[in-house]
Each structure stands twice: as C-alpha cells, then as structure tokens.
C-alpha cells in the first residue's frame, strides 16, 4: 500500500481506525519526515487492525517490536505503533489518551493538552536514559517556564500519576527503555514483575554484545 502524501494517509486512517499521534507532530510534513528521518509515534486501539489498515511493514522480525514503516510516495517513513495493553503506558492511561483525543487542524488526531503534557513528561523521564536538553526546554515551557530540575519534574509526574491511579508498566516491546533510576528516585508506582525485569536486563546485555560483535566484524 503506497500513499501519495501524509494528507492522503491521515485522511484514510481517520475513517478506519482509532489512533492518536503521541508527540512531535507540530512540524509534520512529508518533506520534514522524509528529509530528517523522523518517525511517527502512534497509539492505537488495536495493533493488528492498524497494521492491516495501513499496510505497515515490520522493521524487525522479533515478536512485539513496535517499529514499522509505511510507503509515502517512493520513500519509507518509519512509524512506531503502540497499542492499548502493550505496557507503553499503563492500560488505563492509554485508554484515556484515546478517549480524550482531538482532531488537529492539520487533519490528524492528537492527545488533548493535558494528556500531551504528562505523557511527554513520562516519555522524557521514564522512557529515556536521561532528560535531554530538547525535552527539558519543551517541558519547561509547557509547565510554566519556571526552570524545574529533573527531581521537580519527577515530583510533578508522580502527583499526576497518583491522582489518576496510573502506574509504570513493562512495555512488551523490550527495546523501549525503562529508566529504573528515575522510577525509584521519583517513587513512581510500578507494576513490579521480577521475571520481566530480568528478561529486559538479558535483552539489553544481548543487544550490547551484538553491537560490539558487529563493530568488530566491520573492522
């Protein structure tokens, strides 16, 4: 399935599946996505329905990976597909994000302002090894531009998650990073599972060894 441009792609899926673009849509255009190599981060109701609707092609053969691509013209655009129940956020939060979605003036669905702020805060603090300068600047503007540090941001996130009975879950896609140091530091509620923690550690060790082997082989 090949789409002429992003407008055609979104016009089609708007009538086919329930979805929301999670973040970084502000500058979306076919030109930007193709030239900068950016990806589209999607949360949908059902992964299989979404994949079948858009003809998404997996980038990896491993089970439960969320990385796919779609064809826009003669180019491939990466699309990361998250879905309700996959642990990317806890199920209740994923349900809320989809329920509260709004149609952006550019013609695609996005989270409402509150869901966007806090899901981006979660992404920056929990799903990244460290709070990047880009996310730090963006979050400071979104939360009032008072120059919070990481610990203060963690406190803001904890208060919000506790209020809404949200918690940290283990993503089925093991390539999704979990910043356990920040989870403990922020005293975030987590759906603790020792077997899943061990599996994720083994996965990351395997990945590191694989990358070293590839570098040695290419040399």
N, C-alpha and C. Protein backbone atom coordinates (compact mmCIF):
# COMPACT_ATOMS: atom_id res chain seq x y z
N UNK A 1 0.85 -1.18 0.00
CA UNK A 1 0.00 0.00 0.00
C UNK A 1 0.89 1.24 0.00
N UNK A 2 0.70 2.11 -1.00
CA UNK A 2 1.52 3.30 -1.14
C UNK A 2 0.64 4.55 -1.08
N UNK A 3 1.07 5.50 -0.25
CA UNK A 3 0.34 6.76 -0.09
C UNK A 3 1.08 7.86 -0.83
N UNK A 4 0.34 8.73 -1.49
CA UNK A 4 0.96 9.82 -2.24
C UNK A 4 1.61 10.83 -1.31
N UNK A 5 0.97 11.11 -0.16
CA UNK A 5 1.49 12.07 0.79
C UNK A 5 0.85 11.82 2.15
N UNK A 6 1.28 12.57 3.16
CA UNK A 6 0.76 12.36 4.51
C UNK A 6 -0.72 12.71 4.61
N UNK A 7 -1.16 13.73 3.89
CA UNK A 7 -2.58 14.10 3.93
C UNK A 7 -3.45 12.93 3.50
N UNK A 8 -3.05 12.27 2.44
CA UNK A 8 -3.82 11.12 1.96
C UNK A 8 -3.81 10.00 2.99
N UNK A 9 -2.66 9.78 3.61
CA UNK A 9 -2.54 8.74 4.63
C UNK A 9 -3.47 9.00 5.81
N UNK A 10 -3.44 10.23 6.34
CA UNK A 10 -4.28 10.54 7.50
C UNK A 10 -5.76 10.61 7.15
N UNK A 11 -6.09 11.11 5.97
CA UNK A 11 -7.49 11.12 5.55
C UNK A 11 -8.07 9.72 5.53
N UNK A 12 -7.25 8.77 5.14
CA UNK A 12 -7.70 7.38 5.06
C UNK A 12 -7.88 6.78 6.45
N UNK A 13 -6.86 6.90 7.32
CA UNK A 13 -6.95 6.20 8.60
C UNK A 13 -7.93 6.88 9.56
N UNK A 14 -8.23 8.16 9.33
CA UNK A 14 -9.20 8.84 10.20
C UNK A 14 -10.55 8.15 10.18
N UNK A 15 -10.87 7.51 9.08
CA UNK A 15 -12.16 6.84 8.94
C UNK A 15 -12.08 5.33 9.12
N UNK A 16 -10.88 4.84 9.44
CA UNK A 16 -10.70 3.39 9.51
C UNK A 16 -10.37 2.87 10.91
N UNK A 17 -9.52 3.58 11.65
CA UNK A 17 -9.06 3.08 12.94
C UNK A 17 -9.02 4.19 13.97
N UNK A 18 -9.02 3.80 15.24
CA UNK A 18 -8.91 4.74 16.35
C UNK A 18 -7.43 4.87 16.71
N UNK A 19 -6.91 6.07 16.61
CA UNK A 19 -5.49 6.27 16.83
C UNK A 19 -5.25 7.69 17.35
N UNK A 20 -4.03 7.94 17.79
CA UNK A 20 -3.58 9.28 18.15
C UNK A 20 -2.08 9.34 17.92
N UNK A 21 -1.59 10.47 17.42
CA UNK A 21 -0.14 10.69 17.32
C UNK A 21 0.33 11.21 18.67
N UNK A 22 1.26 10.53 19.28
CA UNK A 22 1.61 10.82 20.66
C UNK A 22 2.39 12.11 20.86
N UNK A 23 3.27 12.49 19.93
CA UNK A 23 4.14 13.65 20.18
C UNK A 23 4.83 14.11 18.89
N UNK A 24 5.39 15.31 18.98
CA UNK A 24 6.27 15.86 17.94
C UNK A 24 5.61 16.00 16.57
N UNK A 25 4.32 16.27 16.57
CA UNK A 25 3.60 16.42 15.31
C UNK A 25 3.63 17.87 14.80
N UNK A 26 4.13 18.78 15.60
CA UNK A 26 4.00 20.20 15.29
C UNK A 26 4.54 20.57 13.90
N UNK A 27 5.62 19.93 13.50
CA UNK A 27 6.24 20.26 12.21
C UNK A 27 6.06 19.16 11.18
N UNK A 28 5.05 18.32 11.38
CA UNK A 28 4.86 17.21 10.45
C UNK A 28 4.56 17.70 9.04
N UNK A 29 5.30 17.15 8.10
CA UNK A 29 5.02 17.30 6.68
C UNK A 29 5.80 16.19 5.99
N UNK A 30 5.38 15.83 4.80
CA UNK A 30 6.10 14.79 4.07
C UNK A 30 7.56 15.17 3.87
N UNK A 31 7.80 16.47 3.61
CA UNK A 31 9.17 16.93 3.37
C UNK A 31 10.04 16.75 4.61
N UNK A 32 9.52 17.18 5.77
CA UNK A 32 10.29 17.07 7.01
C UNK A 32 10.57 15.62 7.37
N UNK A 33 9.54 14.79 7.29
CA UNK A 33 9.70 13.40 7.68
C UNK A 33 10.67 12.67 6.77
N UNK A 34 10.62 12.97 5.48
CA UNK A 34 11.49 12.28 4.54
C UNK A 34 12.92 12.78 4.64
N UNK A 35 13.09 14.08 4.83
CA UNK A 35 14.44 14.65 4.84
C UNK A 35 15.16 14.46 6.16
N UNK A 36 14.41 14.52 7.27
CA UNK A 36 15.04 14.46 8.59
C UNK A 36 15.07 13.05 9.18
N UNK A 37 14.38 12.12 8.56
CA UNK A 37 14.35 10.76 9.08
C UNK A 37 13.56 10.62 10.35
N UNK A 38 12.64 11.55 10.62
CA UNK A 38 11.79 11.48 11.81
C UNK A 38 10.80 10.33 11.68
N UNK A 39 10.25 9.92 12.81
CA UNK A 39 9.25 8.87 12.77
C UNK A 39 7.92 9.39 13.31
N UNK A 40 6.87 8.61 13.09
CA UNK A 40 5.54 8.93 13.59
C UNK A 40 5.24 7.99 14.75
N UNK A 41 4.98 8.56 15.92
CA UNK A 41 4.68 7.75 17.11
C UNK A 41 3.17 7.64 17.27
N UNK A 42 2.65 6.45 17.05
CA UNK A 42 1.21 6.20 17.05
C UNK A 42 0.79 5.37 18.26
N UNK A 43 -0.32 5.76 18.89
CA UNK A 43 -1.00 4.90 19.84
C UNK A 43 -2.35 4.56 19.23
N UNK A 44 -2.67 3.28 19.13
CA UNK A 44 -3.93 2.87 18.52
C UNK A 44 -4.69 1.92 19.45
N UNK A 45 -5.91 1.66 19.08
CA UNK A 45 -6.74 0.76 19.88
C UNK A 45 -6.28 -0.68 19.72
N UNK A 46 -6.08 -1.10 18.47
CA UNK A 46 -5.73 -2.49 18.18
C UNK A 46 -4.59 -2.53 17.16
N UNK A 47 -3.50 -3.15 17.51
CA UNK A 47 -2.30 -3.16 16.67
C UNK A 47 -2.55 -3.86 15.34
N UNK A 48 -3.18 -5.02 15.38
CA UNK A 48 -3.41 -5.78 14.15
C UNK A 48 -4.31 -5.02 13.19
N UNK A 49 -5.38 -4.43 13.71
CA UNK A 49 -6.28 -3.65 12.87
C UNK A 49 -5.55 -2.49 12.21
N UNK A 50 -4.69 -1.83 12.98
CA UNK A 50 -3.97 -0.67 12.44
C UNK A 50 -2.98 -1.11 11.36
N UNK A 51 -2.23 -2.16 11.64
CA UNK A 51 -1.24 -2.65 10.66
C UNK A 51 -1.93 -3.04 9.36
N UNK A 52 -3.04 -3.76 9.47
CA UNK A 52 -3.77 -4.20 8.27
C UNK A 52 -4.36 -3.01 7.51
N UNK A 53 -4.81 -2.00 8.25
CA UNK A 53 -5.45 -0.84 7.62
C UNK A 53 -4.45 -0.02 6.79
N UNK A 54 -3.22 0.10 7.28
CA UNK A 54 -2.26 0.98 6.61
C UNK A 54 -1.18 0.23 5.84
N UNK A 55 -1.17 -1.10 5.94
CA UNK A 55 -0.15 -1.86 5.26
C UNK A 55 1.23 -1.64 5.82
N UNK A 56 1.32 -1.49 7.14
CA UNK A 56 2.62 -1.25 7.78
C UNK A 56 3.49 -2.50 7.68
N UNK A 57 4.77 -2.27 7.42
CA UNK A 57 5.74 -3.37 7.25
C UNK A 57 6.70 -3.35 8.44
N UNK A 58 6.91 -4.51 9.11
CA UNK A 58 7.80 -4.51 10.29
C UNK A 58 9.26 -4.29 9.92
N UNK A 59 9.96 -3.54 10.77
CA UNK A 59 11.40 -3.33 10.60
C UNK A 59 12.21 -4.44 11.25
N UNK A 60 11.58 -5.17 12.17
CA UNK A 60 12.26 -6.25 12.88
C UNK A 60 11.38 -7.50 12.83
N UNK A 61 12.02 -8.64 12.90
CA UNK A 61 11.27 -9.89 12.91
C UNK A 61 10.92 -10.34 14.32
N UNK A 62 11.54 -9.72 15.31
CA UNK A 62 11.29 -10.11 16.70
C UNK A 62 9.84 -9.80 17.08
N UNK A 63 9.26 -10.69 17.87
CA UNK A 63 7.88 -10.53 18.32
C UNK A 63 7.75 -9.33 19.24
N UNK A 64 6.65 -8.61 19.11
CA UNK A 64 6.28 -7.49 19.99
C UNK A 64 7.08 -6.20 19.75
N UNK A 65 7.95 -6.15 18.74
CA UNK A 65 8.61 -4.88 18.43
C UNK A 65 7.60 -3.94 17.79
N UNK A 66 7.74 -2.64 18.08
CA UNK A 66 6.76 -1.68 17.61
C UNK A 66 7.17 -0.89 16.39
N UNK A 67 8.31 -1.23 15.79
CA UNK A 67 8.87 -0.42 14.71
C UNK A 67 8.45 -0.95 13.33
N UNK A 68 7.79 -0.07 12.58
CA UNK A 68 7.31 -0.42 11.25
C UNK A 68 7.63 0.72 10.29
N UNK A 69 7.32 0.52 9.01
CA UNK A 69 7.39 1.63 8.07
C UNK A 69 6.19 1.58 7.12
N UNK A 70 5.87 2.75 6.58
CA UNK A 70 4.83 2.85 5.56
C UNK A 70 5.45 3.52 4.35
N UNK A 71 4.84 3.33 3.20
CA UNK A 71 5.34 3.91 1.97
C UNK A 71 4.61 5.21 1.64
N UNK A 72 5.36 6.30 1.61
CA UNK A 72 4.82 7.59 1.19
C UNK A 72 5.53 7.95 -0.11
N UNK A 73 4.82 7.87 -1.20
CA UNK A 73 5.46 8.05 -2.50
C UNK A 73 6.48 6.95 -2.72
N UNK A 74 7.70 7.36 -3.04
CA UNK A 74 8.76 6.37 -3.27
C UNK A 74 9.63 6.19 -2.03
N UNK A 75 9.23 6.82 -0.91
CA UNK A 75 10.03 6.79 0.31
C UNK A 75 9.37 5.95 1.40
N UNK A 76 10.20 5.53 2.34
CA UNK A 76 9.71 4.80 3.50
C UNK A 76 9.75 5.72 4.72
N UNK A 77 8.65 5.81 5.43
CA UNK A 77 8.60 6.59 6.66
C UNK A 77 8.40 5.64 7.83
N UNK A 78 9.26 5.78 8.82
CA UNK A 78 9.16 4.91 10.00
C UNK A 78 7.96 5.31 10.84
N UNK A 79 7.27 4.30 11.35
CA UNK A 79 6.11 4.53 12.21
C UNK A 79 6.18 3.56 13.38
N UNK A 80 6.20 4.10 14.59
CA UNK A 80 6.25 3.27 15.80
C UNK A 80 4.83 3.09 16.31
N UNK A 81 4.39 1.85 16.36
CA UNK A 81 3.00 1.55 16.69
C UNK A 81 2.89 1.02 18.11
N UNK A 82 2.20 1.78 18.96
CA UNK A 82 1.88 1.37 20.32
C UNK A 82 0.37 1.14 20.38
N UNK A 83 -0.05 0.29 21.31
CA UNK A 83 -1.47 -0.07 21.34
C UNK A 83 -1.93 -0.35 22.76
N UNK A 84 -3.23 -0.27 22.98
CA UNK A 84 -3.80 -0.46 24.31
C UNK A 84 -3.46 -1.86 24.84
N UNK A 85 -2.82 -1.88 26.01
CA UNK A 85 -2.45 -3.15 26.63
C UNK A 85 -1.02 -3.57 26.40
N UNK A 86 -0.22 -2.73 25.70
CA UNK A 86 1.16 -3.13 25.40
C UNK A 86 2.16 -2.68 26.45
N UNK A 87 1.69 -1.94 27.49
CA UNK A 87 2.59 -1.52 28.57
C UNK A 87 3.41 -0.30 28.24
N UNK A 88 3.22 0.30 27.07
CA UNK A 88 3.98 1.52 26.76
C UNK A 88 3.63 2.61 27.77
N UNK A 89 2.35 2.79 28.03
CA UNK A 89 1.82 3.43 29.23
C UNK A 89 0.93 2.36 29.87
N UNK A 90 0.49 2.57 31.10
CA UNK A 90 -0.43 1.60 31.67
C UNK A 90 -1.74 1.63 30.88
N UNK A 91 -2.48 0.53 30.91
CA UNK A 91 -3.68 0.40 30.08
C UNK A 91 -4.68 1.53 30.32
N UNK A 92 -4.89 1.89 31.58
CA UNK A 92 -5.86 2.94 31.88
C UNK A 92 -5.46 4.26 31.23
N UNK A 93 -4.18 4.59 31.28
CA UNK A 93 -3.71 5.83 30.68
C UNK A 93 -3.86 5.79 29.16
N UNK A 94 -3.52 4.67 28.55
CA UNK A 94 -3.68 4.53 27.10
C UNK A 94 -5.14 4.71 26.69
N UNK A 95 -6.04 4.12 27.47
CA UNK A 95 -7.46 4.27 27.20
C UNK A 95 -7.88 5.74 27.28
N UNK A 96 -7.38 6.45 28.30
CA UNK A 96 -7.72 7.85 28.48
C UNK A 96 -7.21 8.72 27.32
N UNK A 97 -6.00 8.44 26.89
CA UNK A 97 -5.42 9.23 25.80
C UNK A 97 -6.27 9.09 24.54
N UNK A 98 -6.71 7.87 24.24
CA UNK A 98 -7.55 7.66 23.05
C UNK A 98 -8.93 8.27 23.23
N UNK A 99 -9.49 8.15 24.41
CA UNK A 99 -10.83 8.68 24.66
C UNK A 99 -10.86 10.20 24.55
N UNK A 100 -9.77 10.85 24.99
CA UNK A 100 -9.74 12.32 25.04
C UNK A 100 -9.12 12.96 23.80
N UNK A 101 -8.79 12.19 22.79
CA UNK A 101 -8.08 12.72 21.62
C UNK A 101 -8.85 13.83 20.93
N UNK A 102 -8.12 14.68 20.21
CA UNK A 102 -8.74 15.77 19.47
C UNK A 102 -8.19 15.78 18.04
N UNK A 103 -8.97 16.33 17.12
CA UNK A 103 -8.55 16.39 15.72
C UNK A 103 -7.78 17.69 15.50
N UNK A 104 -6.51 17.56 15.16
CA UNK A 104 -5.68 18.74 14.91
C UNK A 104 -6.07 19.40 13.60
N UNK A 105 -5.79 20.69 13.47
CA UNK A 105 -6.14 21.42 12.26
C UNK A 105 -5.43 20.88 11.02
N UNK A 106 -4.33 20.12 11.25
CA UNK A 106 -3.62 19.54 10.10
C UNK A 106 -4.28 18.26 9.60
N UNK A 107 -5.30 17.79 10.34
CA UNK A 107 -6.06 16.66 9.83
C UNK A 107 -5.74 15.31 10.43
N UNK A 108 -5.08 15.28 11.61
CA UNK A 108 -4.83 14.00 12.28
C UNK A 108 -5.14 14.15 13.77
N UNK A 109 -5.29 13.02 14.45
CA UNK A 109 -5.68 13.03 15.86
C UNK A 109 -4.45 13.12 16.77
N UNK A 110 -4.59 13.96 17.80
CA UNK A 110 -3.52 14.17 18.77
C UNK A 110 -4.12 14.10 20.18
N UNK A 111 -3.29 13.94 21.23
CA UNK A 111 -3.81 13.95 22.60
C UNK A 111 -4.33 15.35 22.95
N UNK A 112 -5.26 15.42 23.91
CA UNK A 112 -5.64 16.75 24.39
C UNK A 112 -4.45 17.34 25.15
N UNK A 113 -4.53 18.60 25.53
CA UNK A 113 -3.37 19.30 26.08
C UNK A 113 -2.83 18.64 27.34
N UNK A 114 -3.72 18.19 28.23
CA UNK A 114 -3.25 17.58 29.49
C UNK A 114 -2.57 16.24 29.23
N UNK A 115 -3.20 15.40 28.42
CA UNK A 115 -2.59 14.10 28.11
C UNK A 115 -1.25 14.27 27.41
N UNK A 116 -1.18 15.27 26.53
CA UNK A 116 0.08 15.51 25.82
C UNK A 116 1.18 15.91 26.80
N UNK A 117 0.90 16.86 27.68
CA UNK A 117 1.90 17.34 28.63
C UNK A 117 2.46 16.21 29.49
N UNK A 118 1.57 15.44 30.07
CA UNK A 118 2.02 14.45 31.05
C UNK A 118 2.55 13.18 30.39
N UNK A 119 2.01 12.81 29.24
CA UNK A 119 2.57 11.64 28.55
C UNK A 119 3.95 11.96 28.00
N UNK A 120 4.18 13.23 27.59
CA UNK A 120 5.51 13.64 27.14
C UNK A 120 6.48 13.69 28.33
N UNK A 121 5.99 14.16 29.47
CA UNK A 121 6.81 14.18 30.68
C UNK A 121 7.23 12.77 31.07
N UNK A 122 6.29 11.84 31.01
CA UNK A 122 6.57 10.42 31.28
C UNK A 122 7.60 9.88 30.29
N UNK A 123 7.39 10.16 29.02
CA UNK A 123 8.31 9.69 27.98
C UNK A 123 9.73 10.19 28.23
N UNK A 124 9.85 11.47 28.57
CA UNK A 124 11.17 12.09 28.77
C UNK A 124 11.89 11.57 30.01
N UNK A 125 11.14 11.25 31.06
CA UNK A 125 11.74 10.85 32.33
C UNK A 125 11.85 9.35 32.52
N UNK A 126 10.90 8.61 31.99
CA UNK A 126 10.83 7.16 32.23
C UNK A 126 11.33 6.34 31.05
N UNK A 127 11.13 6.84 29.83
CA UNK A 127 11.47 6.05 28.64
C UNK A 127 12.76 6.52 27.96
N UNK A 128 13.49 7.40 28.61
CA UNK A 128 14.77 7.87 28.09
C UNK A 128 15.84 7.71 29.17
N UNK A 129 17.10 7.43 28.77
CA UNK A 129 18.18 7.28 29.76
C UNK A 129 18.44 8.54 30.56
N UNK A 130 18.20 9.71 29.95
CA UNK A 130 18.36 10.97 30.67
C UNK A 130 17.45 12.02 30.04
N UNK A 131 17.17 13.06 30.80
CA UNK A 131 16.33 14.15 30.32
C UNK A 131 17.15 15.01 29.36
N UNK A 132 16.80 14.95 28.08
CA UNK A 132 17.55 15.70 27.07
C UNK A 132 17.27 17.19 27.19
N UNK A 133 18.19 17.99 26.66
CA UNK A 133 18.02 19.44 26.68
C UNK A 133 16.77 19.84 25.90
N UNK A 134 16.52 19.18 24.78
CA UNK A 134 15.36 19.49 23.95
C UNK A 134 14.07 19.29 24.73
N UNK A 135 13.94 18.14 25.40
CA UNK A 135 12.73 17.86 26.18
C UNK A 135 12.66 18.76 27.42
N UNK A 136 13.82 19.04 28.01
CA UNK A 136 13.84 19.92 29.18
C UNK A 136 13.27 21.29 28.82
N UNK A 137 13.73 21.84 27.73
CA UNK A 137 13.25 23.16 27.30
C UNK A 137 11.76 23.12 26.95
N UNK A 138 11.36 22.08 26.25
CA UNK A 138 9.96 21.97 25.83
C UNK A 138 9.04 21.81 27.04
N UNK A 139 9.43 20.97 28.00
CA UNK A 139 8.61 20.74 29.17
C UNK A 139 8.53 21.97 30.07
N UNK A 140 9.62 22.70 30.17
CA UNK A 140 9.60 23.92 30.98
C UNK A 140 8.59 24.92 30.44
N UNK A 141 8.52 25.03 29.13
CA UNK A 141 7.54 25.93 28.52
C UNK A 141 6.12 25.42 28.78
N UNK A 142 5.92 24.11 28.60
CA UNK A 142 4.59 23.53 28.76
C UNK A 142 4.09 23.63 30.20
N UNK A 143 5.01 23.52 31.17
CA UNK A 143 4.62 23.52 32.57
C UNK A 143 4.84 24.88 33.25
N UNK A 144 5.04 25.94 32.47
CA UNK A 144 5.07 27.27 33.06
C UNK A 144 6.39 27.99 33.04
N UNK A 145 7.42 27.37 32.44
CA UNK A 145 8.70 28.05 32.25
C UNK A 145 9.28 28.60 33.56
N UNK A 146 9.35 27.71 34.60
CA UNK A 146 9.94 28.16 35.87
C UNK A 146 11.26 27.44 36.16
N UNK A 147 11.82 26.80 35.13
CA UNK A 147 13.14 26.17 35.22
C UNK A 147 13.22 25.10 36.30
N UNK A 148 12.35 24.11 36.18
CA UNK A 148 12.39 22.98 37.11
C UNK A 148 13.61 22.11 36.81
N UNK A 149 14.11 21.41 37.84
CA UNK A 149 15.14 20.41 37.59
C UNK A 149 14.46 19.04 37.45
N UNK A 150 15.27 18.00 37.22
CA UNK A 150 14.70 16.68 36.94
C UNK A 150 13.91 16.14 38.13
N UNK A 151 14.41 16.35 39.34
CA UNK A 151 13.72 15.84 40.52
C UNK A 151 12.35 16.52 40.68
N UNK A 152 12.28 17.81 40.41
CA UNK A 152 11.00 18.51 40.50
C UNK A 152 10.03 18.00 39.44
N UNK A 153 10.54 17.73 38.25
CA UNK A 153 9.69 17.16 37.21
C UNK A 153 9.17 15.79 37.61
N UNK A 154 10.03 14.98 38.24
CA UNK A 154 9.59 13.67 38.71
C UNK A 154 8.48 13.80 39.75
N UNK A 155 8.58 14.80 40.60
CA UNK A 155 7.54 15.03 41.61
C UNK A 155 6.22 15.41 40.92
N UNK A 156 6.29 16.26 39.91
CA UNK A 156 5.09 16.65 39.16
C UNK A 156 4.45 15.42 38.53
N UNK A 157 5.29 14.57 37.93
CA UNK A 157 4.78 13.35 37.30
C UNK A 157 4.15 12.41 38.31
N UNK A 158 4.80 12.24 39.46
CA UNK A 158 4.26 11.34 40.50
C UNK A 158 2.89 11.83 40.98
N UNK A 159 2.76 13.12 41.24
CA UNK A 159 1.49 13.66 41.72
C UNK A 159 0.38 13.41 40.71
N UNK A 160 0.69 13.59 39.46
CA UNK A 160 -0.31 13.38 38.41
C UNK A 160 -0.70 11.91 38.29
N UNK A 161 0.30 11.03 38.30
CA UNK A 161 0.03 9.60 38.14
C UNK A 161 -0.73 9.05 39.35
N UNK A 162 -0.35 9.48 40.55
CA UNK A 162 -1.06 9.03 41.75
C UNK A 162 -2.50 9.51 41.75
N UNK A 163 -2.71 10.75 41.36
CA UNK A 163 -4.05 11.32 41.31
C UNK A 163 -4.97 10.54 40.37
N UNK A 164 -4.42 10.07 39.26
CA UNK A 164 -5.21 9.38 38.24
C UNK A 164 -5.11 7.85 38.32
N UNK A 165 -4.39 7.37 39.36
CA UNK A 165 -4.21 5.93 39.55
C UNK A 165 -3.50 5.28 38.35
N UNK A 166 -2.52 6.01 37.79
CA UNK A 166 -1.68 5.47 36.73
C UNK A 166 -0.43 4.87 37.37
N UNK A 167 0.24 4.00 36.65
CA UNK A 167 1.46 3.37 37.15
C UNK A 167 2.39 3.05 35.99
N UNK A 168 3.63 2.77 36.30
CA UNK A 168 4.61 2.35 35.30
C UNK A 168 4.40 0.87 35.03
N UNK A 169 4.28 0.52 33.76
CA UNK A 169 4.17 -0.88 33.38
C UNK A 169 5.39 -1.27 32.55
N UNK A 170 5.55 -2.57 32.29
CA UNK A 170 6.67 -3.05 31.49
C UNK A 170 6.23 -3.16 30.03
N UNK A 171 6.81 -2.38 29.14
CA UNK A 171 6.43 -2.47 27.73
C UNK A 171 6.72 -3.86 27.16
N UNK A 172 5.79 -4.37 26.38
CA UNK A 172 6.02 -5.66 25.71
C UNK A 172 7.18 -5.55 24.73
N UNK A 173 7.34 -4.38 24.14
CA UNK A 173 8.49 -4.12 23.28
C UNK A 173 9.70 -3.86 24.17
N UNK A 174 10.58 -4.84 24.27
CA UNK A 174 11.71 -4.73 25.19
C UNK A 174 12.72 -3.67 24.77
N UNK A 175 12.63 -3.20 23.53
CA UNK A 175 13.55 -2.16 23.09
C UNK A 175 13.17 -0.79 23.66
N UNK A 176 11.97 -0.68 24.22
CA UNK A 176 11.56 0.57 24.88
C UNK A 176 12.29 0.67 26.21
N UNK A 177 13.03 1.73 26.39
CA UNK A 177 13.85 1.90 27.59
C UNK A 177 12.98 2.18 28.81
N UNK A 178 13.40 1.65 29.95
CA UNK A 178 12.77 1.99 31.23
C UNK A 178 13.86 2.53 32.15
N UNK A 179 13.71 3.77 32.56
CA UNK A 179 14.70 4.42 33.41
C UNK A 179 14.39 4.07 34.88
N UNK A 180 14.92 2.92 35.32
CA UNK A 180 14.60 2.44 36.66
C UNK A 180 15.14 3.40 37.73
N UNK A 181 16.25 4.05 37.46
CA UNK A 181 16.80 5.01 38.43
C UNK A 181 15.81 6.13 38.69
N UNK A 182 15.21 6.67 37.63
CA UNK A 182 14.22 7.73 37.81
C UNK A 182 12.92 7.22 38.43
N UNK A 183 12.57 6.00 38.11
CA UNK A 183 11.35 5.40 38.69
C UNK A 183 11.50 5.32 40.21
N UNK A 184 12.66 4.85 40.68
CA UNK A 184 12.88 4.75 42.12
C UNK A 184 13.06 6.14 42.74
N UNK A 185 13.83 6.99 42.05
CA UNK A 185 14.09 8.33 42.56
C UNK A 185 12.79 9.13 42.72
N UNK A 186 11.89 8.97 41.77
CA UNK A 186 10.63 9.68 41.81
C UNK A 186 9.54 8.97 42.59
N UNK A 187 9.88 7.77 43.13
CA UNK A 187 8.90 6.96 43.88
C UNK A 187 7.63 6.74 43.06
N UNK A 188 7.82 6.47 41.75
CA UNK A 188 6.68 6.22 40.89
C UNK A 188 6.15 4.81 41.13
N UNK A 189 4.85 4.68 41.15
CA UNK A 189 4.25 3.36 41.33
C UNK A 189 4.52 2.51 40.10
N UNK A 190 4.98 1.28 40.31
CA UNK A 190 5.31 0.39 39.20
C UNK A 190 4.67 -0.97 39.42
N UNK A 191 4.21 -1.56 38.34
CA UNK A 191 3.63 -2.90 38.38
C UNK A 191 4.77 -3.90 38.40
N UNK A 192 5.34 -4.13 39.57
CA UNK A 192 6.61 -4.86 39.72
C UNK A 192 6.48 -6.31 39.26
N UNK A 193 7.45 -6.74 38.45
CA UNK A 193 7.49 -8.12 37.95
C UNK A 193 8.95 -8.50 37.77
N UNK A 194 9.46 -9.34 38.65
CA UNK A 194 10.88 -9.70 38.65
C UNK A 194 11.27 -10.41 37.35
N UNK A 195 10.40 -11.29 36.85
CA UNK A 195 10.71 -12.03 35.62
C UNK A 195 10.85 -11.07 34.44
N UNK A 196 9.97 -10.08 34.35
CA UNK A 196 10.05 -9.12 33.26
C UNK A 196 11.29 -8.24 33.40
N UNK A 197 11.64 -7.87 34.63
CA UNK A 197 12.86 -7.08 34.85
C UNK A 197 14.09 -7.86 34.39
N UNK A 198 14.14 -9.13 34.75
CA UNK A 198 15.27 -9.97 34.36
C UNK A 198 15.34 -10.14 32.85
N UNK A 199 14.19 -10.35 32.23
CA UNK A 199 14.13 -10.51 30.77
C UNK A 199 14.65 -9.27 30.07
N UNK A 200 14.29 -8.09 30.59
CA UNK A 200 14.73 -6.85 29.98
C UNK A 200 16.25 -6.67 30.14
N UNK A 201 16.79 -7.05 31.30
CA UNK A 201 18.23 -6.95 31.50
C UNK A 201 18.98 -7.87 30.54
N UNK A 202 18.48 -9.09 30.38
CA UNK A 202 19.11 -10.04 29.45
C UNK A 202 19.06 -9.51 28.02
N UNK A 203 17.91 -8.93 27.66
CA UNK A 203 17.74 -8.36 26.32
C UNK A 203 18.76 -7.27 26.07
N UNK A 204 18.99 -6.38 27.05
CA UNK A 204 19.91 -5.27 26.87
C UNK A 204 21.36 -5.75 26.82
N UNK A 205 21.70 -6.74 27.62
CA UNK A 205 23.04 -7.31 27.58
C UNK A 205 23.30 -7.94 26.20
N UNK A 206 22.31 -8.67 25.71
CA UNK A 206 22.42 -9.31 24.39
C UNK A 206 22.61 -8.25 23.31
N UNK A 207 21.87 -7.15 23.40
CA UNK A 207 21.99 -6.09 22.41
C UNK A 207 23.38 -5.45 22.42
N UNK A 208 23.91 -5.23 23.64
CA UNK A 208 25.24 -4.63 23.75
C UNK A 208 26.30 -5.55 23.12
N UNK A 209 26.21 -6.84 23.43
CA UNK A 209 27.17 -7.82 22.88
C UNK A 209 27.05 -7.86 21.35
N UNK A 210 25.80 -7.82 20.86
CA UNK A 210 25.58 -7.87 19.40
C UNK A 210 26.20 -6.66 18.72
N UNK A 211 26.04 -5.46 19.32
CA UNK A 211 26.60 -4.25 18.73
C UNK A 211 28.13 -4.30 18.70
N UNK A 212 28.72 -4.82 19.79
CA UNK A 212 30.19 -4.95 19.83
C UNK A 212 30.67 -5.92 18.75
N UNK A 213 29.95 -7.02 18.60
CA UNK A 213 30.34 -8.02 17.59
C UNK A 213 30.25 -7.44 16.17
N UNK A 214 29.23 -6.67 15.92
CA UNK A 214 29.06 -6.03 14.61
C UNK A 214 30.20 -5.07 14.33
N UNK A 215 30.58 -4.26 15.35
CA UNK A 215 31.68 -3.31 15.17
C UNK A 215 33.00 -4.04 14.88
N UNK A 216 33.25 -5.12 15.63
CA UNK A 216 34.47 -5.89 15.43
C UNK A 216 34.48 -6.53 14.04
N UNK A 217 33.33 -6.99 13.61
CA UNK A 217 33.25 -7.66 12.31
C UNK A 217 33.47 -6.66 11.17
N UNK A 218 32.91 -5.47 11.30
CA UNK A 218 33.05 -4.46 10.24
C UNK A 218 34.47 -3.92 10.16
N UNK A 219 35.20 -4.00 11.28
CA UNK A 219 36.60 -3.55 11.25
C UNK A 219 37.49 -4.60 10.58
